[in-house]
Protein backbone atom coordinates (compact mmCIF):
# COMPACT_ATOMS: atom_id res chain seq x y z
CA MET A 1 -22.30 -83.09 -14.31
CA ASN A 2 -22.88 -79.36 -13.84
CA ARG A 3 -19.51 -79.10 -12.08
CA LEU A 4 -17.77 -80.31 -15.23
CA ILE A 5 -19.69 -78.21 -17.72
CA LYS A 6 -19.20 -74.80 -16.06
CA PRO A 7 -15.35 -74.86 -16.08
CA PHE A 8 -15.35 -76.22 -19.64
CA LEU A 9 -17.77 -73.54 -20.80
CA ALA A 10 -15.81 -70.79 -19.06
CA SER A 11 -12.57 -71.98 -20.66
CA PHE A 12 -14.21 -72.26 -24.05
CA LEU A 13 -15.60 -68.71 -23.85
CA LEU A 14 -12.22 -67.36 -22.74
CA ILE A 15 -10.46 -69.00 -25.69
CA ILE A 16 -13.07 -67.75 -28.15
CA SER A 17 -12.85 -64.20 -26.81
CA CYS A 18 -9.05 -64.23 -27.06
CA LEU A 19 -9.15 -65.47 -30.63
CA SER A 20 -11.69 -62.88 -31.68
CA MET A 21 -9.90 -59.89 -30.12
CA PRO A 22 -8.08 -58.92 -33.30
CA ALA A 23 -11.45 -58.58 -35.01
CA TRP A 24 -12.42 -55.96 -32.43
CA ALA A 25 -9.14 -54.08 -32.71
CA LEU A 26 -9.08 -50.74 -34.44
CA SER A 27 -7.06 -50.61 -37.67
CA LEU A 28 -4.87 -47.65 -38.58
CA ASP A 29 -7.00 -46.85 -41.63
CA GLU A 30 -10.18 -46.91 -39.54
CA ALA A 31 -8.63 -44.71 -36.85
CA LYS A 32 -7.41 -42.16 -39.40
CA ALA A 33 -10.72 -42.13 -41.28
CA ALA A 34 -12.60 -41.58 -38.02
CA GLY A 35 -10.31 -38.68 -37.10
CA LEU A 36 -9.02 -40.43 -33.99
CA VAL A 37 -5.33 -40.37 -34.96
CA GLY A 38 -3.16 -38.35 -37.29
CA GLU A 39 0.39 -37.84 -38.49
CA GLN A 40 2.63 -35.64 -36.38
CA SER A 41 5.50 -33.60 -37.79
CA ASN A 42 8.01 -35.74 -35.87
CA GLY A 43 7.27 -38.90 -37.87
CA TYR A 44 5.01 -40.52 -35.31
CA LEU A 45 1.28 -40.90 -34.92
CA GLY A 46 -0.65 -38.83 -32.44
CA VAL A 47 -4.08 -39.11 -30.86
CA VAL A 48 -6.32 -36.36 -32.25
CA GLN A 49 -9.36 -37.06 -30.07
CA SER A 50 -8.59 -38.25 -26.58
CA GLY A 51 -10.64 -40.88 -24.85
CA SER A 52 -10.29 -43.89 -27.12
CA ALA A 53 -8.24 -46.61 -25.45
CA ASP A 54 -8.08 -48.52 -28.75
CA ALA A 55 -6.65 -45.48 -30.53
CA LYS A 56 -4.05 -44.94 -27.79
CA ALA A 57 -3.00 -48.59 -27.92
CA LEU A 58 -2.80 -48.48 -31.71
CA VAL A 59 -0.67 -45.31 -31.66
CA SER A 60 1.66 -46.79 -29.04
CA ASP A 61 2.10 -50.03 -30.98
CA ILE A 62 2.74 -48.38 -34.34
CA ASN A 63 5.02 -45.72 -32.88
CA SER A 64 7.24 -48.33 -31.23
CA LYS A 65 7.56 -50.12 -34.58
CA ARG A 66 8.25 -46.85 -36.37
CA LYS A 67 10.94 -45.93 -33.86
CA ALA A 68 12.74 -49.23 -34.42
CA ALA A 69 12.58 -48.70 -38.19
CA TYR A 70 13.73 -45.08 -37.84
CA ILE A 71 16.73 -46.11 -35.76
CA ASP A 72 17.78 -48.55 -38.48
CA GLY A 73 17.12 -46.01 -41.22
CA ALA A 74 19.10 -43.27 -39.47
CA LYS A 75 22.05 -45.62 -39.01
CA SER A 76 21.92 -46.66 -42.68
CA ALA A 77 21.69 -43.04 -43.83
CA GLY A 78 24.38 -41.89 -41.42
CA VAL A 79 22.20 -39.20 -39.85
CA GLU A 80 20.96 -38.52 -36.35
CA LEU A 81 17.67 -40.12 -35.33
CA GLN A 82 15.97 -36.75 -34.86
CA VAL A 83 16.83 -35.67 -38.41
CA PHE A 84 15.45 -38.93 -39.77
CA GLU A 85 12.25 -38.60 -37.70
CA VAL A 86 11.57 -35.05 -38.92
CA ARG A 87 12.14 -36.02 -42.56
CA MET A 88 9.81 -39.00 -42.23
CA GLY A 89 7.24 -36.75 -40.56
CA GLN A 90 7.36 -34.41 -43.55
CA ARG A 91 6.94 -37.29 -45.99
CA LEU A 92 4.10 -38.91 -44.05
CA GLN A 93 2.24 -35.61 -43.76
CA GLN A 94 2.67 -34.93 -47.47
CA ARG A 95 1.26 -38.38 -48.27
CA THR A 96 -1.70 -38.01 -45.91
CA PRO A 97 -4.88 -37.98 -48.00
CA ALA A 98 -7.49 -35.26 -47.79
CA GLY A 99 -9.88 -35.68 -44.91
CA GLU A 100 -7.28 -37.03 -42.47
CA TYR A 101 -5.46 -35.12 -39.76
CA ILE A 102 -1.93 -33.77 -39.61
CA GLN A 103 -0.38 -31.90 -36.72
CA GLN A 104 0.84 -28.37 -37.30
CA PRO A 105 4.18 -27.16 -35.88
CA ASP A 106 2.30 -25.30 -33.14
CA GLY A 107 0.62 -28.55 -32.03
CA ARG A 108 -2.84 -27.91 -33.48
CA TRP A 109 -4.48 -30.63 -35.57
CA LEU A 110 -5.55 -29.72 -39.09
CA LYS A 111 -7.88 -31.73 -41.27
CA LYS A 112 -6.11 -31.93 -44.61
């Protein structure tokens, strides 16, 4: 009987942990509020405080989605991708609320 329960229990725990992973994941709002990530001048997110694997994964995921959207937007606008990225960076930094981080042109992070 014990031989049957252990594999079942292990499988059950694995499934439960996989289903609950999104609850553990860091949201963009949480990461920004905690000062872990901020808006860069190039239209992408950056990691303000290194060391958080969740923040790095979040930045990577969002930046890949942003890049895809920027490529489409640049094509629609008839401009080069780099021009579109810089303009989006300006807009995102302008919209960043007080207390969150933006990256200065020299690379330093500034709390807005």
